[in-house]
Every structure is written in structure tokens, then in C-alpha cells.
Amino acid sequence: MTQLPTPGRALRVLREQSGLTAREVAERAGVSESYLSRVETGREDASPAWIGCVAAAISRALTEGAQPRKVAA
């Protein structure tokens, strides 16, 4: 059975494909870079609202012209 990625792992994949660093996303979302890192690696759980805030920051960055890039799986 295939295991679904955690929300944090999904954020990391989205962030990496967007070409943004953790620092850039944290600044755009107004969150701590260290907490973002812990959520992305599964060491912390985040609320759905927090996940949504970070995902929205990534989306805004793409809308504003950040260039998506391919990331090796």
C-alpha cells in the first residue's frame, strides 16, 4: 500500500519545485524558518491553518514570477 506524504513533506516538495528556499517561504508567510523546517521533515505537526498560510505564500510567489523548477524525486 502506498503511503501518502505528510502535509509537511508535501509543502517541502511544493516549495522545492517552486524554486524557493525555506527562508524565502518563511519570510513570505511570516513564520519561523526553523519551525517550517521541522514541519517539512516531520518533526513537528502544524495546524491546517498554518499549512494553508505557507501554501498560500508559495502560491503568491509563483504568481509574482518565481520560476518553478523540476526536482529529482
N, C-alpha and C. Protein backbone atom coordinates (compact mmCIF):
# COMPACT_ATOMS: atom_id res chain seq x y z
N MET A 1 0.84 -1.18 0.00
CA MET A 1 0.00 0.00 0.00
C MET A 1 0.89 1.25 0.00
N THR A 2 0.55 2.21 -0.84
CA THR A 2 1.31 3.44 -0.94
C THR A 2 0.93 4.38 0.19
N GLN A 3 1.96 4.91 0.84
CA GLN A 3 1.72 5.84 1.94
C GLN A 3 1.68 7.27 1.39
N LEU A 4 0.68 8.02 1.78
CA LEU A 4 0.55 9.41 1.34
C LEU A 4 1.58 10.27 2.06
N PRO A 5 2.08 11.31 1.39
CA PRO A 5 3.03 12.20 2.06
C PRO A 5 2.34 12.99 3.17
N THR A 6 3.10 13.35 4.17
CA THR A 6 2.57 14.20 5.23
C THR A 6 2.36 15.59 4.65
N PRO A 7 1.52 16.40 5.29
CA PRO A 7 1.35 17.78 4.80
C PRO A 7 2.68 18.53 4.75
N GLY A 8 3.53 18.30 5.73
CA GLY A 8 4.83 18.97 5.74
C GLY A 8 5.70 18.56 4.57
N ARG A 9 5.71 17.26 4.27
CA ARG A 9 6.50 16.77 3.14
C ARG A 9 5.95 17.34 1.83
N ALA A 10 4.62 17.40 1.73
CA ALA A 10 4.01 17.97 0.53
C ALA A 10 4.39 19.44 0.37
N LEU A 11 4.44 20.18 1.48
CA LEU A 11 4.87 21.58 1.42
C LEU A 11 6.31 21.68 0.92
N ARG A 12 7.16 20.79 1.42
CA ARG A 12 8.57 20.83 1.02
C ARG A 12 8.71 20.58 -0.49
N VAL A 13 7.99 19.58 -0.99
CA VAL A 13 8.04 19.30 -2.43
C VAL A 13 7.56 20.51 -3.22
N LEU A 14 6.44 21.09 -2.81
CA LEU A 14 5.90 22.27 -3.48
C LEU A 14 6.90 23.42 -3.43
N ARG A 15 7.50 23.63 -2.26
CA ARG A 15 8.49 24.71 -2.12
C ARG A 15 9.69 24.48 -3.02
N GLU A 16 10.21 23.26 -3.02
CA GLU A 16 11.38 22.97 -3.84
C GLU A 16 11.07 23.11 -5.32
N GLN A 17 9.89 22.66 -5.74
CA GLN A 17 9.51 22.79 -7.15
C GLN A 17 9.30 24.25 -7.53
N SER A 18 8.95 25.08 -6.56
CA SER A 18 8.75 26.50 -6.85
C SER A 18 10.07 27.24 -6.99
N GLY A 19 11.17 26.61 -6.56
CA GLY A 19 12.47 27.25 -6.64
C GLY A 19 12.75 28.18 -5.48
N LEU A 20 11.95 28.09 -4.41
CA LEU A 20 12.11 28.97 -3.25
C LEU A 20 12.88 28.25 -2.14
N THR A 21 13.62 29.03 -1.38
CA THR A 21 14.29 28.48 -0.21
C THR A 21 13.33 28.50 0.97
N ALA A 22 13.68 27.75 1.99
CA ALA A 22 12.87 27.75 3.21
C ALA A 22 12.83 29.16 3.80
N ARG A 23 13.93 29.87 3.74
CA ARG A 23 13.98 31.23 4.27
C ARG A 23 13.01 32.15 3.52
N GLU A 24 13.01 32.05 2.20
CA GLU A 24 12.11 32.89 1.40
C GLU A 24 10.65 32.61 1.74
N VAL A 25 10.29 31.34 1.83
CA VAL A 25 8.91 30.98 2.14
C VAL A 25 8.54 31.44 3.53
N ALA A 26 9.43 31.22 4.49
CA ALA A 26 9.16 31.63 5.87
C ALA A 26 8.93 33.14 5.94
N GLU A 27 9.76 33.91 5.26
CA GLU A 27 9.59 35.36 5.26
C GLU A 27 8.27 35.77 4.62
N ARG A 28 7.92 35.15 3.50
CA ARG A 28 6.67 35.48 2.80
C ARG A 28 5.45 35.12 3.64
N ALA A 29 5.55 34.00 4.38
CA ALA A 29 4.42 33.52 5.18
C ALA A 29 4.39 34.13 6.58
N GLY A 30 5.48 34.78 6.98
CA GLY A 30 5.54 35.35 8.32
C GLY A 30 5.65 34.29 9.40
N VAL A 31 6.39 33.22 9.08
CA VAL A 31 6.58 32.13 10.05
C VAL A 31 8.07 31.91 10.29
N SER A 32 8.38 31.15 11.30
CA SER A 32 9.76 30.85 11.64
C SER A 32 10.35 29.85 10.64
N GLU A 33 11.54 30.15 10.13
CA GLU A 33 12.21 29.23 9.22
C GLU A 33 12.51 27.90 9.91
N SER A 34 12.90 27.94 11.16
CA SER A 34 13.21 26.70 11.87
C SER A 34 11.96 25.85 12.07
N TYR A 35 10.82 26.48 12.35
CA TYR A 35 9.58 25.72 12.51
C TYR A 35 9.16 25.13 11.17
N LEU A 36 9.28 25.90 10.09
CA LEU A 36 8.98 25.41 8.75
C LEU A 36 9.81 24.17 8.46
N SER A 37 11.08 24.22 8.77
CA SER A 37 11.96 23.08 8.54
C SER A 37 11.52 21.86 9.34
N ARG A 38 11.15 22.07 10.59
CA ARG A 38 10.71 20.94 11.43
C ARG A 38 9.41 20.34 10.92
N VAL A 39 8.52 21.18 10.41
CA VAL A 39 7.26 20.66 9.84
C VAL A 39 7.57 19.89 8.56
N GLU A 40 8.41 20.44 7.71
CA GLU A 40 8.74 19.78 6.44
C GLU A 40 9.39 18.41 6.66
N THR A 41 10.15 18.27 7.72
CA THR A 41 10.84 17.00 7.98
C THR A 41 10.05 16.06 8.89
N GLY A 42 8.86 16.48 9.29
CA GLY A 42 8.01 15.61 10.11
C GLY A 42 8.31 15.60 11.58
N ARG A 43 9.17 16.49 12.04
CA ARG A 43 9.49 16.56 13.48
C ARG A 43 8.46 17.34 14.27
N GLU A 44 7.64 18.12 13.57
CA GLU A 44 6.56 18.90 14.19
C GLU A 44 5.31 18.75 13.35
N ASP A 45 4.17 18.82 14.00
CA ASP A 45 2.88 18.85 13.31
C ASP A 45 2.38 20.29 13.32
N ALA A 46 1.79 20.70 12.23
CA ALA A 46 1.26 22.06 12.13
C ALA A 46 -0.24 22.01 11.92
N SER A 47 -0.90 23.08 12.30
CA SER A 47 -2.35 23.15 12.13
C SER A 47 -2.68 23.31 10.64
N PRO A 48 -3.88 22.92 10.27
CA PRO A 48 -4.31 23.14 8.88
C PRO A 48 -4.22 24.61 8.47
N ALA A 49 -4.53 25.52 9.38
CA ALA A 49 -4.45 26.95 9.05
C ALA A 49 -3.01 27.36 8.75
N TRP A 50 -2.06 26.84 9.53
CA TRP A 50 -0.64 27.16 9.32
C TRP A 50 -0.19 26.62 7.98
N ILE A 51 -0.55 25.36 7.67
CA ILE A 51 -0.20 24.75 6.39
C ILE A 51 -0.77 25.60 5.25
N GLY A 52 -2.01 26.03 5.39
CA GLY A 52 -2.65 26.86 4.37
C GLY A 52 -1.94 28.18 4.17
N CYS A 53 -1.49 28.78 5.25
CA CYS A 53 -0.77 30.06 5.18
C CYS A 53 0.53 29.90 4.39
N VAL A 54 1.25 28.84 4.67
CA VAL A 54 2.52 28.60 3.98
C VAL A 54 2.28 28.26 2.51
N ALA A 55 1.28 27.42 2.24
CA ALA A 55 0.96 27.08 0.86
C ALA A 55 0.55 28.32 0.07
N ALA A 56 -0.20 29.21 0.70
CA ALA A 56 -0.62 30.45 0.04
C ALA A 56 0.59 31.33 -0.26
N ALA A 57 1.57 31.36 0.63
CA ALA A 57 2.78 32.15 0.39
C ALA A 57 3.54 31.61 -0.81
N ILE A 58 3.60 30.29 -0.95
CA ILE A 58 4.27 29.69 -2.10
C ILE A 58 3.49 30.03 -3.37
N SER A 59 2.19 29.92 -3.31
CA SER A 59 1.34 30.24 -4.47
C SER A 59 1.52 31.68 -4.90
N ARG A 60 1.53 32.60 -3.94
CA ARG A 60 1.73 34.02 -4.26
C ARG A 60 3.08 34.24 -4.93
N ALA A 61 4.11 33.55 -4.45
CA ALA A 61 5.44 33.71 -5.04
C ALA A 61 5.43 33.29 -6.50
N LEU A 62 4.73 32.21 -6.79
CA LEU A 62 4.65 31.75 -8.18
C LEU A 62 3.87 32.75 -9.03
N THR A 63 2.81 33.30 -8.48
CA THR A 63 2.00 34.29 -9.18
C THR A 63 2.82 35.54 -9.47
N GLU A 64 3.72 35.86 -8.54
CA GLU A 64 4.53 37.08 -8.68
C GLU A 64 5.75 36.86 -9.56
N GLY A 65 5.93 35.64 -10.06
CA GLY A 65 7.01 35.44 -11.02
C GLY A 65 8.13 34.50 -10.64
N ALA A 66 8.06 33.84 -9.51
CA ALA A 66 9.08 32.84 -9.19
C ALA A 66 9.00 31.75 -10.24
N GLN A 67 10.12 31.26 -10.69
CA GLN A 67 10.15 30.25 -11.75
C GLN A 67 10.17 28.85 -11.17
N PRO A 68 9.14 28.03 -11.46
CA PRO A 68 9.14 26.65 -10.98
C PRO A 68 10.31 25.89 -11.59
N ARG A 69 10.79 24.89 -10.88
CA ARG A 69 11.86 24.06 -11.42
C ARG A 69 11.56 22.60 -11.09
N LYS A 70 12.13 21.73 -11.89
CA LYS A 70 11.96 20.30 -11.66
C LYS A 70 12.91 19.87 -10.55
N VAL A 71 12.41 19.00 -9.67
CA VAL A 71 13.23 18.47 -8.59
C VAL A 71 13.25 16.97 -8.72
N ALA A 72 14.43 16.37 -8.61
CA ALA A 72 14.54 14.91 -8.68
C ALA A 72 13.77 14.28 -7.53
N ALA A 73 13.07 13.21 -7.81
CA ALA A 73 12.27 12.54 -6.79
C ALA A 73 13.12 11.82 -5.78
